[in-house]
Amino acid sequence: MLSLDVYGVVFGPCTVTSHGGYDYTFRLPGQKEVYRGDEVQDITATHEAVSFDGSISFFRDRKRVVVKLDRHGYPFELNGKYHYR
């Protein structure tokens, strides 16, 4: 699961708030260092089935994940570098 909490001025569908967030759950086949966008399966219950372009890269020695995905030709909202435990 990949989560992002955003603090500051966050624009929502109806109002402005000081906190927002995203949660996505992906299924990734096997134990790889790099998953192509077409291998990434979004299994989050609230999202429609979409295909991705780009990649998700794991650097296990540094416990880092780099997300570089496009969805429908636009950058994915959780693109960036993340640490995991």
PDB file of N, CA and C in Angstrom:
ATOM      1  N   MET A   1       0.847  -1.165   0.000  1.00  0.00           N
ATOM      2  CA  MET A   1       0.000   0.000   0.000  1.00  0.00           C
ATOM      3  C   MET A   1       0.892   1.227   0.000  1.00  0.00           C
ATOM      4  N   LEU A   2       0.503   2.222  -0.753  1.00  0.00           N
ATOM      5  CA  LEU A   2       1.224   3.480  -0.850  1.00  0.00           C
ATOM      6  C   LEU A   2       0.294   4.575  -0.361  1.00  0.00           C
ATOM      7  N   SER A   3       0.755   5.348   0.622  1.00  0.00           N
ATOM      8  CA  SER A   3      -0.072   6.406   1.207  1.00  0.00           C
ATOM      9  C   SER A   3       0.693   7.716   1.186  1.00  0.00           C
ATOM     10  N   LEU A   4      -0.048   8.793   1.060  1.00  0.00           N
ATOM     11  CA  LEU A   4       0.542  10.127   1.090  1.00  0.00           C
ATOM     12  C   LEU A   4      -0.365  11.023   1.909  1.00  0.00           C
ATOM     13  N   ASP A   5       0.199  11.644   2.942  1.00  0.00           N
ATOM     14  CA  ASP A   5      -0.519  12.644   3.727  1.00  0.00           C
ATOM     15  C   ASP A   5      -0.005  14.013   3.320  1.00  0.00           C
ATOM     16  N   VAL A   6      -0.919  14.929   3.097  1.00  0.00           N
ATOM     17  CA  VAL A   6      -0.571  16.270   2.657  1.00  0.00           C
ATOM     18  C   VAL A   6      -1.058  17.264   3.703  1.00  0.00           C
ATOM     19  N   TYR A   7      -0.162  18.124   4.157  1.00  0.00           N
ATOM     20  CA  TYR A   7      -0.525  19.158   5.118  1.00  0.00           C
ATOM     21  C   TYR A   7      -0.279  20.522   4.495  1.00  0.00           C
ATOM     22  N   GLY A   8      -1.076  21.493   4.872  1.00  0.00           N
ATOM     23  CA  GLY A   8      -0.995  22.830   4.308  1.00  0.00           C
ATOM     24  C   GLY A   8      -2.344  23.199   3.742  1.00  0.00           C
ATOM     25  N   VAL A   9      -2.360  23.965   2.680  1.00  0.00           N
ATOM     26  CA  VAL A   9      -3.609  24.321   2.029  1.00  0.00           C
ATOM     27  C   VAL A   9      -3.904  23.247   0.985  1.00  0.00           C
ATOM     28  N   VAL A  10      -4.956  22.468   1.219  1.00  0.00           N
ATOM     29  CA  VAL A  10      -5.327  21.369   0.337  1.00  0.00           C
ATOM     30  C   VAL A  10      -6.716  21.661  -0.213  1.00  0.00           C
ATOM     31  N   PHE A  11      -6.831  21.708  -1.537  1.00  0.00           N
ATOM     32  CA  PHE A  11      -8.110  21.995  -2.171  1.00  0.00           C
ATOM     33  C   PHE A  11      -8.862  20.691  -2.382  1.00  0.00           C
ATOM     34  N   GLY A  12     -10.049  20.606  -1.830  1.00  0.00           N
ATOM     35  CA  GLY A  12     -10.905  19.436  -1.986  1.00  0.00           C
ATOM     36  C   GLY A  12     -12.028  19.725  -2.954  1.00  0.00           C
ATOM     37  N   PRO A  13     -12.930  18.756  -3.152  1.00  0.00           N
ATOM     38  CA  PRO A  13     -14.019  18.955  -4.111  1.00  0.00           C
ATOM     39  C   PRO A  13     -15.016  20.024  -3.676  1.00  0.00           C
ATOM     40  N   CYS A  14     -15.138  20.261  -2.390  1.00  0.00           N
ATOM     41  CA  CYS A  14     -16.140  21.220  -1.912  1.00  0.00           C
ATOM     42  C   CYS A  14     -15.557  22.383  -1.124  1.00  0.00           C
ATOM     43  N   THR A  15     -14.348  22.235  -0.606  1.00  0.00           N
ATOM     44  CA  THR A  15     -13.809  23.242   0.290  1.00  0.00           C
ATOM     45  C   THR A  15     -12.289  23.157   0.346  1.00  0.00           C
ATOM     46  N   VAL A  16     -11.694  24.062   1.089  1.00  0.00           N
ATOM     47  CA  VAL A  16     -10.259  24.053   1.354  1.00  0.00           C
ATOM     48  C   VAL A  16     -10.063  23.510   2.767  1.00  0.00           C
ATOM     49  N   THR A  17      -9.076  22.639   2.938  1.00  0.00           N
ATOM     50  CA  THR A  17      -8.805  22.054   4.244  1.00  0.00           C
ATOM     51  C   THR A  17      -7.312  22.138   4.530  1.00  0.00           C
ATOM     52  N   SER A  18      -6.897  21.718   5.715  1.00  0.00           N
ATOM     53  CA  SER A  18      -5.477  21.757   6.078  1.00  0.00           C
ATOM     54  C   SER A  18      -4.814  20.387   5.993  1.00  0.00           C
ATOM     55  N   HIS A  19      -5.576  19.343   5.665  1.00  0.00           N
ATOM     56  CA  HIS A  19      -5.010  18.003   5.592  1.00  0.00           C
ATOM     57  C   HIS A  19      -5.746  17.182   4.542  1.00  0.00           C
ATOM     58  N   GLY A  20      -5.002  16.433   3.771  1.00  0.00           N
ATOM     59  CA  GLY A  20      -5.593  15.543   2.780  1.00  0.00           C
ATOM     60  C   GLY A  20      -4.719  14.324   2.631  1.00  0.00           C
ATOM     61  N   GLY A  21      -5.195  13.354   1.903  1.00  0.00           N
ATOM     62  CA  GLY A  21      -4.398  12.153   1.735  1.00  0.00           C
ATOM     63  C   GLY A  21      -4.870  11.288   0.595  1.00  0.00           C
ATOM     64  N   TYR A  22      -3.986  10.395   0.176  1.00  0.00           N
ATOM     65  CA  TYR A  22      -4.262   9.413  -0.859  1.00  0.00           C
ATOM     66  C   TYR A  22      -3.860   8.050  -0.325  1.00  0.00           C
ATOM     67  N   ASP A  23      -4.600   7.021  -0.672  1.00  0.00           N
ATOM     68  CA  ASP A  23      -4.241   5.641  -0.358  1.00  0.00           C
ATOM     69  C   ASP A  23      -4.461   4.797  -1.598  1.00  0.00           C
ATOM     70  N   TYR A  24      -3.448   4.063  -1.995  1.00  0.00           N
ATOM     71  CA  TYR A  24      -3.540   3.141  -3.115  1.00  0.00           C
ATOM     72  C   TYR A  24      -2.940   1.808  -2.698  1.00  0.00           C
ATOM     73  N   THR A  25      -3.516   0.728  -3.170  1.00  0.00           N
ATOM     74  CA  THR A  25      -2.968  -0.601  -2.970  1.00  0.00           C
ATOM     75  C   THR A  25      -2.701  -1.198  -4.343  1.00  0.00           C
ATOM     76  N   PHE A  26      -1.451  -1.620  -4.541  1.00  0.00           N
ATOM     77  CA  PHE A  26      -1.034  -2.177  -5.823  1.00  0.00           C
ATOM     78  C   PHE A  26      -0.676  -3.643  -5.664  1.00  0.00           C
ATOM     79  N   ARG A  27      -0.945  -4.420  -6.691  1.00  0.00           N
ATOM     80  CA  ARG A  27      -0.451  -5.795  -6.782  1.00  0.00           C
ATOM     81  C   ARG A  27       0.695  -5.774  -7.777  1.00  0.00           C
ATOM     82  N   LEU A  28       1.861  -6.263  -7.318  1.00  0.00           N
ATOM     83  CA  LEU A  28       3.063  -6.307  -8.151  1.00  0.00           C
ATOM     84  C   LEU A  28       3.518  -7.756  -8.253  1.00  0.00           C
ATOM     85  N   PRO A  29       3.696  -8.283  -9.468  1.00  0.00           N
ATOM     86  CA  PRO A  29       4.027  -9.700  -9.624  1.00  0.00           C
ATOM     87  C   PRO A  29       5.484 -10.015  -9.264  1.00  0.00           C
ATOM     88  N   GLY A  30       5.685 -10.950  -8.345  1.00  0.00           N
ATOM     89  CA  GLY A  30       7.028 -11.436  -8.028  1.00  0.00           C
ATOM     90  C   GLY A  30       7.861 -10.464  -7.226  1.00  0.00           C
ATOM     91  N   GLN A  31       9.162 -10.771  -7.144  1.00  0.00           N
ATOM     92  CA  GLN A  31      10.136  -9.945  -6.422  1.00  0.00           C
ATOM     93  C   GLN A  31      11.094  -9.351  -7.442  1.00  0.00           C
ATOM     94  N   LYS A  32      10.808  -8.169  -7.914  1.00  0.00           N
ATOM     95  CA  LYS A  32      11.653  -7.516  -8.911  1.00  0.00           C
ATOM     96  C   LYS A  32      12.194  -6.213  -8.351  1.00  0.00           C
ATOM     97  N   GLU A  33      13.183  -5.679  -9.043  1.00  0.00           N
ATOM     98  CA  GLU A  33      13.683  -4.355  -8.692  1.00  0.00           C
ATOM     99  C   GLU A  33      12.892  -3.268  -9.401  1.00  0.00           C
ATOM    100  N   VAL A  34      12.427  -3.550 -10.631  1.00  0.00           N
ATOM    101  CA  VAL A  34      11.672  -2.570 -11.413  1.00  0.00           C
ATOM    102  C   VAL A  34      10.432  -3.246 -11.984  1.00  0.00           C
ATOM    103  N   TYR A  35       9.284  -2.605 -11.779  1.00  0.00           N
ATOM    104  CA  TYR A  35       8.022  -3.065 -12.345  1.00  0.00           C
ATOM    105  C   TYR A  35       7.578  -2.047 -13.387  1.00  0.00           C
ATOM    106  N   ARG A  36       7.335  -2.517 -14.605  1.00  0.00           N
ATOM    107  CA  ARG A  36       6.809  -1.638 -15.660  1.00  0.00           C
ATOM    108  C   ARG A  36       5.371  -1.263 -15.335  1.00  0.00           C
ATOM    109  N   GLY A  37       4.933  -0.161 -15.879  1.00  0.00           N
ATOM    110  CA  GLY A  37       3.573   0.311 -15.639  1.00  0.00           C
ATOM    111  C   GLY A  37       2.502  -0.700 -15.976  1.00  0.00           C
ATOM    112  N   ASP A  38       2.728  -1.477 -17.045  1.00  0.00           N
ATOM    113  CA  ASP A  38       1.716  -2.465 -17.422  1.00  0.00           C
ATOM    114  C   ASP A  38       1.669  -3.669 -16.481  1.00  0.00           C
ATOM    115  N   GLU A  39       2.652  -3.791 -15.570  1.00  0.00           N
ATOM    116  CA  GLU A  39       2.647  -4.854 -14.562  1.00  0.00           C
ATOM    117  C   GLU A  39       1.978  -4.405 -13.261  1.00  0.00           C
ATOM    118  N   VAL A  40       1.793  -3.112 -13.101  1.00  0.00           N
ATOM    119  CA  VAL A  40       1.229  -2.552 -11.875  1.00  0.00           C
ATOM    120  C   VAL A  40      -0.288  -2.654 -11.930  1.00  0.00           C
ATOM    121  N   GLN A  41      -0.856  -3.323 -10.949  1.00  0.00           N
ATOM    122  CA  GLN A  41      -2.307  -3.493 -10.900  1.00  0.00           C
ATOM    123  C   GLN A  41      -2.850  -2.786  -9.659  1.00  0.00           C
ATOM    124  N   ASP A  42      -3.673  -1.767  -9.867  1.00  0.00           N
ATOM    125  CA  ASP A  42      -4.314  -1.040  -8.768  1.00  0.00           C
ATOM    126  C   ASP A  42      -5.476  -1.884  -8.263  1.00  0.00           C
ATOM    127  N   ILE A  43      -5.387  -2.341  -7.009  1.00  0.00           N
ATOM    128  CA  ILE A  43      -6.460  -3.167  -6.452  1.00  0.00           C
ATOM    129  C   ILE A  43      -7.205  -2.431  -5.344  1.00  0.00           C
ATOM    130  N   THR A  44      -7.042  -1.120  -5.287  1.00  0.00           N
ATOM    131  CA  THR A  44      -7.782  -0.314  -4.329  1.00  0.00           C
ATOM    132  C   THR A  44      -9.263  -0.391  -4.668  1.00  0.00           C
ATOM    133  N   ALA A  45     -10.090  -0.711  -3.706  1.00  0.00           N
ATOM    134  CA  ALA A  45     -11.517  -0.969  -3.949  1.00  0.00           C
ATOM    135  C   ALA A  45     -12.247   0.244  -4.537  1.00  0.00           C
ATOM    136  N   THR A  46     -11.780   1.448  -4.239  1.00  0.00           N
ATOM    137  CA  THR A  46     -12.519   2.644  -4.663  1.00  0.00           C
ATOM    138  C   THR A  46     -12.110   3.165  -6.031  1.00  0.00           C
ATOM    139  N   HIS A  47     -11.158   2.550  -6.679  1.00  0.00           N
ATOM    140  CA  HIS A  47     -10.675   3.051  -7.957  1.00  0.00           C
ATOM    141  C   HIS A  47     -11.064   2.120  -9.099  1.00  0.00           C
ATOM    142  N   GLU A  48     -11.321   2.703 -10.257  1.00  0.00           N
ATOM    143  CA  GLU A  48     -11.624   1.893 -11.436  1.00  0.00           C
ATOM    144  C   GLU A  48     -10.334   1.275 -11.958  1.00  0.00           C
ATOM    145  N   ALA A  49     -10.451   0.221 -12.718  1.00  0.00           N
ATOM    146  CA  ALA A  49      -9.275  -0.432 -13.299  1.00  0.00           C
ATOM    147  C   ALA A  49      -8.635   0.512 -14.315  1.00  0.00           C
ATOM    148  N   VAL A  50      -7.362   0.792 -14.131  1.00  0.00           N
ATOM    149  CA  VAL A  50      -6.635   1.675 -15.042  1.00  0.00           C
ATOM    150  C   VAL A  50      -5.319   1.020 -15.410  1.00  0.00           C
ATOM    151  N   SER A  51      -4.789   1.423 -16.536  1.00  0.00           N
ATOM    152  CA  SER A  51      -3.452   0.971 -16.913  1.00  0.00           C
ATOM    153  C   SER A  51      -2.486   2.132 -16.718  1.00  0.00           C
ATOM    154  N   PHE A  52      -1.266   1.794 -16.380  1.00  0.00           N
ATOM    155  CA  PHE A  52      -0.241   2.787 -16.099  1.00  0.00           C
ATOM    156  C   PHE A  52       0.874   2.682 -17.131  1.00  0.00           C
ATOM    157  N   ASP A  53       1.526   3.797 -17.374  1.00  0.00           N
ATOM    158  CA  ASP A  53       2.792   3.841 -18.099  1.00  0.00           C
ATOM    159  C   ASP A  53       3.851   4.238 -17.080  1.00  0.00           C
ATOM    160  N   GLY A  54       5.104   3.929 -17.351  1.00  0.00           N
ATOM    161  CA  GLY A  54       6.177   4.287 -16.436  1.00  0.00           C
ATOM    162  C   GLY A  54       6.655   3.094 -15.642  1.00  0.00           C
ATOM    163  N   SER A  55       7.059   3.325 -14.384  1.00  0.00           N
ATOM    164  CA  SER A  55       7.617   2.234 -13.587  1.00  0.00           C
ATOM    165  C   SER A  55       7.535   2.537 -12.095  1.00  0.00           C
ATOM    166  N   ILE A  56       7.665   1.472 -11.316  1.00  0.00           N
ATOM    167  CA  ILE A  56       7.900   1.541  -9.872  1.00  0.00           C
ATOM    168  C   ILE A  56       9.201   0.794  -9.625  1.00  0.00           C
ATOM    169  N   SER A  57      10.185   1.459  -9.000  1.00  0.00           N
ATOM    170  CA  SER A  57      11.501   0.870  -8.750  1.00  0.00           C
ATOM    171  C   SER A  57      11.732   0.719  -7.257  1.00  0.00           C
ATOM    172  N   PHE A  58      12.274  -0.433  -6.866  1.00  0.00           N
ATOM    173  CA  PHE A  58      12.604  -0.701  -5.468  1.00  0.00           C
ATOM    174  C   PHE A  58      14.115  -0.748  -5.307  1.00  0.00           C
ATOM    175  N   PHE A  59      14.612  -0.033  -4.315  1.00  0.00           N
ATOM    176  CA  PHE A  59      16.014  -0.064  -3.929  1.00  0.00           C
ATOM    177  C   PHE A  59      16.040  -0.628  -2.517  1.00  0.00           C
ATOM    178  N   ARG A  60      16.034  -1.968  -2.434  1.00  0.00           N
ATOM    179  CA  ARG A  60      15.856  -2.644  -1.143  1.00  0.00           C
ATOM    180  C   ARG A  60      17.012  -2.389  -0.187  1.00  0.00           C
ATOM    181  N   ASP A  61      18.226  -2.204  -0.688  1.00  0.00           N
ATOM    182  CA  ASP A  61      19.358  -1.936   0.191  1.00  0.00           C
ATOM    183  C   ASP A  61      19.217  -0.596   0.910  1.00  0.00           C
ATOM    184  N   ARG A  62      18.500   0.340   0.307  1.00  0.00           N
ATOM    185  CA  ARG A  62      18.266   1.652   0.917  1.00  0.00           C
ATOM    186  C   ARG A  62      16.838   1.817   1.411  1.00  0.00           C
ATOM    187  N   LYS A  63      16.019   0.759   1.258  1.00  0.00           N
ATOM    188  CA  LYS A  63      14.601   0.789   1.635  1.00  0.00           C
ATOM    189  C   LYS A  63      13.895   1.988   1.010  1.00  0.00           C
ATOM    190  N   ARG A  64      14.064   2.123  -0.290  1.00  0.00           N
ATOM    191  CA  ARG A  64      13.497   3.251  -1.026  1.00  0.00           C
ATOM    192  C   ARG A  64      12.679   2.741  -2.206  1.00  0.00           C
ATOM    193  N   VAL A  65      11.587   3.437  -2.493  1.00  0.00           N
ATOM    194  CA  VAL A  65      10.740   3.158  -3.650  1.00  0.00           C
ATOM    195  C   VAL A  65      10.645   4.444  -4.464  1.00  0.00           C
ATOM    196  N   VAL A  66      10.823   4.318  -5.779  1.00  0.00           N
ATOM    197  CA  VAL A  66      10.678   5.466  -6.671  1.00  0.00           C
ATOM    198  C   VAL A  66       9.493   5.173  -7.592  1.00  0.00           C
ATOM    199  N   VAL A  67       8.482   6.023  -7.525  1.00  0.00           N
ATOM    200  CA  VAL A  67       7.276   5.868  -8.331  1.00  0.00           C
ATOM    201  C   VAL A  67       7.322   6.895  -9.464  1.00  0.00           C
ATOM    202  N   LYS A  68       7.298   6.407 -10.695  1.00  0.00           N
ATOM    203  CA  LYS A  68       7.265   7.264 -11.896  1.00  0.00           C
ATOM    204  C   LYS A  68       6.209   6.700 -12.825  1.00  0.00           C
ATOM    205  N   LEU A  69       4.963   6.998 -12.544  1.00  0.00           N
ATOM    206  CA  LEU A  69       3.856   6.449 -13.323  1.00  0.00           C
ATOM    207  C   LEU A  69       3.052   7.555 -13.981  1.00  0.00           C
ATOM    208  N   ASP A  70       2.455   7.244 -15.115  1.00  0.00           N
ATOM    209  CA  ASP A  70       1.486   8.111 -15.779  1.00  0.00           C
ATOM    210  C   ASP A  70       0.186   7.329 -15.872  1.00  0.00           C
ATOM    211  N   ARG A  71      -0.906   8.029 -15.679  1.00  0.00           N
ATOM    212  CA  ARG A  71      -2.237   7.417 -15.787  1.00  0.00           C
ATOM    213  C   ARG A  71      -3.050   8.266 -16.739  1.00  0.00           C
ATOM    214  N   HIS A  72      -3.532   7.678 -17.802  1.00  0.00           N
ATOM    215  CA  HIS A  72      -4.298   8.382 -18.849  1.00  0.00           C
ATOM    216  C   HIS A  72      -3.511   9.565 -19.409  1.00  0.00           C
ATOM    217  N   GLY A  73      -2.180   9.431 -19.505  1.00  0.00           N
ATOM    218  CA  GLY A  73      -1.342  10.475 -20.076  1.00  0.00           C
ATOM    219  C   GLY A  73      -0.959  11.584 -19.118  1.00  0.00           C
ATOM    220  N   TYR A  74      -1.347  11.497 -17.845  1.00  0.00           N
ATOM    221  CA  TYR A  74      -1.027  12.513 -16.840  1.00  0.00           C
ATOM    222  C   TYR A  74      -0.186  11.896 -15.725  1.00  0.00           C
ATOM    223  N   PRO A  75       0.719  12.673 -15.120  1.00  0.00           N
ATOM    224  CA  PRO A  75       1.519  12.135 -14.020  1.00  0.00           C
ATOM    225  C   PRO A  75       0.625  11.648 -12.872  1.00  0.00           C
ATOM    226  N   PHE A  76       0.974  10.508 -12.307  1.00  0.00           N
ATOM    227  CA  PHE A  76       0.249   9.931 -11.186  1.00  0.00           C
ATOM    228  C   PHE A  76       0.490  10.780  -9.947  1.00  0.00           C
ATOM    229  N   GLU A  77      -0.555  10.990  -9.126  1.00  0.00           N
ATOM    230  CA  GLU A  77      -0.449  11.907  -7.987  1.00  0.00           C
ATOM    231  C   GLU A  77       0.526  11.469  -6.915  1.00  0.00           C
ATOM    232  N   LEU A  78       0.919  10.200  -6.886  1.00  0.00           N
ATOM    233  CA  LEU A  78       1.862   9.734  -5.869  1.00  0.00           C
ATOM    234  C   LEU A  78       3.271   9.531  -6.424  1.00  0.00           C
ATOM    235  N   ASN A  79       3.585  10.115  -7.572  1.00  0.00           N
ATOM    236  CA  ASN A  79       4.952  10.030  -8.082  1.00  0.00           C
ATOM    237  C   ASN A  79       5.912  10.653  -7.092  1.00  0.00           C
ATOM    238  N   GLY A  80       7.084  10.038  -6.960  1.00  0.00           N
ATOM    239  CA  GLY A  80       8.091  10.571  -6.059  1.00  0.00           C
ATOM    240  C   GLY A  80       8.924   9.467  -5.449  1.00  0.00           C
ATOM    241  N   LYS A  81       9.750   9.849  -4.469  1.00  0.00           N
ATOM    242  CA  LYS A  81      10.627   8.910  -3.763  1.00  0.00           C
ATOM    243  C   LYS A  81      10.082   8.708  -2.361  1.00  0.00           C
ATOM    244  N   TYR A  82      10.039   7.448  -1.931  1.00  0.00           N
ATOM    245  CA  TYR A  82       9.493   7.098  -0.616  1.00  0.00           C
ATOM    246  C   TYR A  82      10.438   6.131   0.091  1.00  0.00           C
ATOM    247  N   HIS A  83      10.441   6.183   1.406  1.00  0.00           N
ATOM    248  CA  HIS A  83      11.139   5.208   2.233  1.00  0.00           C
ATOM    249  C   HIS A  83      10.125   4.255   2.833  1.00  0.00           C
ATOM    250  N   TYR A  84      10.527   3.040   3.064  1.00  0.00           N
ATOM    251  CA  TYR A  84       9.643   2.082   3.713  1.00  0.00           C
ATOM    252  C   TYR A  84      10.382   1.385   4.838  1.00  0.00           C
ATOM    253  N   ARG A  85       9.643   0.689   5.685  1.00  0.00           N
ATOM    254  CA  ARG A  85      10.238  -0.002   6.827  1.00  0.00           C
ATOM    255  C   ARG A  85      10.392  -1.458   6.565  1.00  0.00           C
TER     256      ARG A  85
END
